[in-house]
Amino acid sequence: MESYNNFAIRITTPLTFDEAIERVTRTLADQGFGILTEIDVKATLKKKLDVDYKPYTILGACNPTFAHKGLEHETHLGVLLPCNVVVWDEGDHRVIAAMDPAMIPHVIDNEAMKDVAADARTRIERALDAVEKEKL
C-alpha cells in the first residue's frame, strides 16, 4: 500500500476490473463501509462527451458510525463525504485508490476530527490490505 500526494492511499492488483470492484466492496463492508453510489466514469464520458476512456469506477463508501461522529464535530464535513474509492484499469493491473481520511484534519481545522479520521483510515487500510492478501 502506498500514499499518494497526502490525499489518497492505493494498491495495485492483478485482479480483473470486475473482480477488483467486487473484492474491495466486500472488504470495505467487512470494515463497516457500505457503498452508497457507484459511478461508471467510462460509460458517463461515452454518453455525455462521446469520449472513450479506460474502465474507471468511483465507489462512494460510507461508514455510518464515522459519518455520524464526524458530523457531530463538524457539520460541513458532508462536503467531503462519502469517502470515495476508485478502481481503474492500467492494462496489466488495476489500481484501487481511496481518499485518505487522515487528510481531513488538515482540511478541516477541528482537533476533534483527528481521532475519527485516524479510525476511518485504519479501517480503509484494512480493507485494501485484505484485497492485496486475497490475490496471493
Protein backbone atom coordinates (compact mmCIF):
# COMPACT_ATOMS: atom_id res chain seq x y z
CA MET A 1 0.00 0.00 0.00
CA GLU A 2 1.25 3.45 -0.79
CA SER A 3 0.24 7.00 -0.04
CA TYR A 4 -0.37 9.31 -2.98
CA ASN A 5 0.14 13.08 -2.55
CA ASN A 6 -1.23 13.04 1.01
CA PHE A 7 -4.83 12.67 -0.12
CA ALA A 8 -5.10 9.05 -1.28
CA ILE A 9 -3.93 5.57 -0.39
CA ARG A 10 -3.70 2.92 -3.06
CA ILE A 11 -2.81 -0.58 -4.08
CA THR A 12 -2.41 -2.37 -7.38
CA THR A 13 -3.82 -5.79 -8.13
CA PRO A 14 -3.76 -8.32 -10.96
CA LEU A 15 -7.49 -8.96 -10.41
CA THR A 16 -9.80 -8.22 -13.31
CA PHE A 17 -11.63 -4.91 -13.18
CA ASP A 18 -14.91 -6.53 -12.06
CA GLU A 19 -13.13 -8.73 -9.51
CA ALA A 20 -11.37 -5.68 -8.05
CA ILE A 21 -14.69 -3.85 -7.61
CA GLU A 22 -16.31 -6.92 -6.06
CA ARG A 23 -13.44 -7.57 -3.65
CA VAL A 24 -12.97 -4.00 -2.46
CA THR A 25 -16.74 -3.66 -1.99
CA ARG A 26 -16.72 -6.81 0.15
CA THR A 27 -13.64 -5.90 2.18
CA LEU A 28 -14.99 -2.40 2.80
CA ALA A 29 -18.25 -3.98 4.03
CA ASP A 30 -16.20 -6.14 6.40
CA GLN A 31 -14.90 -2.85 7.86
CA GLY A 32 -18.36 -1.30 8.22
CA PHE A 33 -18.48 0.67 4.96
CA GLY A 34 -21.41 0.47 2.60
CA ILE A 35 -21.37 1.65 -1.00
CA LEU A 36 -23.87 4.49 -1.40
CA THR A 37 -23.05 5.34 -5.00
CA GLU A 38 -21.32 3.71 -7.94
CA ILE A 39 -20.33 5.90 -10.87
CA ASP A 40 -19.17 4.27 -14.09
CA VAL A 41 -16.95 7.07 -15.38
CA LYS A 42 -16.19 5.27 -18.65
CA ALA A 43 -19.91 4.96 -19.51
CA THR A 44 -20.66 8.51 -18.38
CA LEU A 45 -17.90 10.04 -20.51
CA LYS A 46 -19.02 8.00 -23.51
CA LYS A 47 -22.65 9.01 -23.08
CA LYS A 48 -22.10 12.70 -22.30
CA LEU A 49 -19.00 13.51 -24.37
CA ASP A 50 -18.67 10.58 -26.79
CA VAL A 51 -15.18 10.05 -25.35
CA ASP A 52 -13.61 6.62 -24.96
CA TYR A 53 -11.94 6.13 -21.58
CA LYS A 54 -10.45 3.22 -19.69
CA PRO A 55 -12.63 1.32 -17.20
CA TYR A 56 -12.89 3.65 -14.18
CA THR A 57 -15.45 3.39 -11.39
CA ILE A 58 -15.96 5.62 -8.36
CA LEU A 59 -17.48 3.93 -5.31
CA GLY A 60 -18.97 6.27 -2.69
CA ALA A 61 -18.18 4.42 0.55
CA CYS A 62 -19.72 5.38 3.88
CA ASN A 63 -19.28 4.07 7.40
CA PRO A 64 -22.35 5.43 9.25
CA THR A 65 -20.58 5.43 12.63
CA PHE A 66 -17.68 7.53 11.35
CA ALA A 67 -20.00 9.80 9.39
CA HIS A 68 -22.13 10.43 12.48
CA LYS A 69 -19.12 11.08 14.74
CA GLY A 70 -17.59 13.41 12.18
CA LEU A 71 -20.80 15.34 11.57
CA GLU A 72 -21.25 15.78 15.32
CA HIS A 73 -17.90 17.59 15.37
CA GLU A 74 -18.19 19.42 12.05
CA THR A 75 -21.41 19.91 10.09
CA HIS A 76 -19.50 20.97 6.97
CA LEU A 77 -17.85 17.53 6.83
CA GLY A 78 -20.60 16.46 4.44
CA VAL A 79 -18.81 18.17 1.57
CA LEU A 80 -16.08 15.54 1.93
CA LEU A 81 -18.44 12.58 2.24
CA PRO A 82 -18.73 9.84 1.22
CA CYS A 83 -15.17 8.56 1.15
CA ASN A 84 -14.52 7.83 -2.50
CA VAL A 85 -12.81 4.61 -3.51
CA VAL A 86 -11.78 4.40 -7.14
CA VAL A 87 -10.97 1.39 -9.30
CA TRP A 88 -9.38 1.83 -12.71
CA ASP A 89 -7.69 -0.29 -15.33
CA GLU A 90 -3.99 0.10 -16.12
CA GLY A 91 -3.68 -2.63 -18.74
CA ASP A 92 -1.83 -5.40 -16.91
CA HIS A 93 -3.17 -4.43 -13.47
CA ARG A 94 -5.91 -2.50 -11.72
CA VAL A 95 -5.46 0.35 -9.25
CA ILE A 96 -7.67 0.66 -6.19
CA ALA A 97 -7.32 4.07 -4.56
CA ALA A 98 -9.19 5.54 -1.61
CA MET A 99 -9.48 9.01 -0.21
CA ASP A 100 -7.15 9.16 2.79
CA PRO A 101 -9.27 10.24 5.77
CA ALA A 102 -6.05 11.35 7.51
CA MET A 103 -6.09 14.44 5.28
CA ILE A 104 -9.42 15.62 6.74
CA PRO A 105 -7.94 17.25 9.88
CA HIS A 106 -5.63 19.21 7.57
CA VAL A 107 -8.61 20.46 5.57
CA ILE A 108 -10.96 20.99 8.49
CA ASP A 109 -9.42 22.92 11.35
CA ASN A 110 -11.06 20.88 14.09
CA GLU A 111 -8.92 18.94 16.56
CA ALA A 112 -11.78 16.53 17.35
CA MET A 113 -11.66 15.20 13.77
CA LYS A 114 -8.20 13.64 14.22
CA ASP A 115 -9.39 10.55 16.08
CA VAL A 116 -12.35 9.96 13.77
CA ALA A 117 -10.13 10.34 10.69
CA ALA A 118 -7.46 8.04 12.12
CA ASP A 119 -10.03 5.34 12.86
CA ALA A 120 -11.54 5.64 9.38
CA ARG A 121 -8.09 5.42 7.78
CA THR A 122 -7.27 2.28 9.73
CA ARG A 123 -10.46 0.61 8.50
CA ILE A 124 -9.85 1.61 4.88
CA GLU A 125 -6.26 0.34 5.11
CA ARG A 126 -7.55 -2.98 6.46
CA ALA A 127 -9.95 -3.26 3.52
CA LEU A 128 -7.22 -2.55 0.97
CA ASP A 129 -4.81 -4.91 2.76
CA ALA A 130 -7.44 -7.65 2.59
CA VAL A 131 -7.76 -7.18 -1.18
CA GLU A 132 -3.97 -7.47 -1.54
CA LYS A 133 -3.76 -10.59 0.63
CA GLU A 134 -6.56 -12.33 -1.28
CA LYS A 135 -4.62 -12.09 -4.55
CA LEU A 136 -1.80 -14.28 -3.20
